[in-house]
């Protein structure tokens, strides 16, 4: 975590997702499930509340080689939007 002095040099926070639990849970219950590395998405919240000038850059994607046959669950970017803006 940057110090209060160095935070003034920063313009934003980059969040690398890759921590979804089960996207189907969101479809069923409208809850974003977080995996073992949940601090990737939760830690920036406190930092951004303390320093509102910081912008958020979110990076997420799909790592499956073969897509499932059933309809796709929400994408990571849609889930991040729900998590950060709700």
Protein backbone atom coordinates (compact mmCIF):
# COMPACT_ATOMS: atom_id res chain seq x y z
CA UNK A 1 0.00 0.00 0.00
CA UNK A 2 1.46 3.39 -0.93
CA UNK A 3 2.15 5.95 1.78
CA UNK A 4 0.16 9.19 2.05
CA UNK A 5 3.12 11.09 0.55
CA UNK A 6 3.52 8.85 -2.50
CA UNK A 7 -0.22 8.53 -3.15
CA UNK A 8 -0.17 12.08 -4.52
CA UNK A 9 2.02 10.83 -7.38
CA UNK A 10 -0.57 8.27 -8.45
CA UNK A 11 -3.57 8.84 -10.68
CA UNK A 12 -5.31 5.51 -10.30
CA UNK A 13 -5.56 1.92 -9.19
CA UNK A 14 -5.29 -1.07 -11.52
CA UNK A 15 -7.29 -4.13 -10.48
CA UNK A 16 -6.49 -7.49 -12.04
CA UNK A 17 -9.55 -9.67 -11.53
CA UNK A 18 -9.09 -13.44 -11.93
CA UNK A 19 -10.80 -14.24 -8.66
CA UNK A 20 -14.38 -15.16 -9.43
CA UNK A 21 -15.90 -17.94 -7.40
CA UNK A 22 -18.84 -19.18 -9.45
CA UNK A 23 -20.43 -16.72 -11.91
CA UNK A 24 -23.58 -18.87 -11.90
CA UNK A 25 -24.15 -17.70 -8.30
CA UNK A 26 -24.58 -14.16 -9.60
CA UNK A 27 -27.11 -15.33 -12.15
CA UNK A 28 -29.08 -17.22 -9.47
CA UNK A 29 -28.76 -14.84 -6.48
CA UNK A 30 -27.46 -11.51 -7.86
CA UNK A 31 -24.35 -11.77 -5.64
CA UNK A 32 -20.79 -11.42 -6.87
CA UNK A 33 -18.84 -14.33 -5.40
CA UNK A 34 -15.17 -13.79 -4.61
CA UNK A 35 -12.50 -16.47 -4.52
CA UNK A 36 -9.38 -16.93 -2.42
CA UNK A 37 -7.77 -13.72 -3.68
CA UNK A 38 -10.69 -11.42 -2.85
CA UNK A 39 -8.34 -8.73 -1.56
CA UNK A 40 -7.53 -7.88 -5.18
CA UNK A 41 -10.98 -6.37 -5.57
CA UNK A 42 -11.69 -5.29 -1.96
CA UNK A 43 -8.43 -3.51 -1.00
CA UNK A 44 -8.74 -0.79 -3.66
CA UNK A 45 -12.16 0.20 -2.25
CA UNK A 46 -10.66 1.57 0.99
CA UNK A 47 -7.81 3.25 -0.85
CA UNK A 48 -10.17 4.94 -3.27
CA UNK A 49 -12.48 6.08 -0.46
CA UNK A 50 -9.50 7.71 1.28
CA UNK A 51 -8.25 9.25 -1.97
CA UNK A 52 -11.26 10.06 -4.19
CA UNK A 53 -9.09 11.56 -6.95
CA UNK A 54 -7.84 8.07 -7.89
CA UNK A 55 -9.36 6.42 -10.95
CA UNK A 56 -10.07 2.70 -11.19
CA UNK A 57 -8.84 0.59 -14.11
CA UNK A 58 -10.27 -2.92 -14.15
CA UNK A 59 -8.76 -5.79 -16.12
CA UNK A 60 -10.56 -9.11 -16.45
CA UNK A 61 -11.07 -11.79 -18.99
CA UNK A 62 -12.05 -15.34 -19.80
CA UNK A 63 -9.56 -18.16 -19.38
CA UNK A 64 -11.55 -21.19 -20.50
CA UNK A 65 -10.36 -22.97 -23.63
CA UNK A 66 -13.81 -24.40 -24.40
CA UNK A 67 -16.99 -22.43 -23.75
CA UNK A 68 -19.84 -24.22 -21.98
CA UNK A 69 -22.92 -25.20 -23.97
CA UNK A 70 -25.36 -23.40 -21.70
CA UNK A 71 -25.80 -19.61 -21.80
CA UNK A 72 -22.79 -17.69 -20.57
CA UNK A 73 -22.91 -16.25 -17.04
CA UNK A 74 -22.14 -12.59 -16.58
CA UNK A 75 -18.70 -11.46 -17.75
CA UNK A 76 -16.02 -10.35 -15.28
CA UNK A 77 -16.42 -6.74 -16.41
CA UNK A 78 -20.18 -6.87 -15.76
CA UNK A 79 -19.58 -8.43 -12.33
CA UNK A 80 -16.96 -5.80 -11.49
CA UNK A 81 -19.42 -3.09 -12.48
CA UNK A 82 -21.97 -4.58 -10.08
CA UNK A 83 -19.39 -4.94 -7.29
CA UNK A 84 -17.97 -1.43 -7.52
CA UNK A 85 -21.09 0.54 -8.41
CA UNK A 86 -23.85 -1.03 -6.36
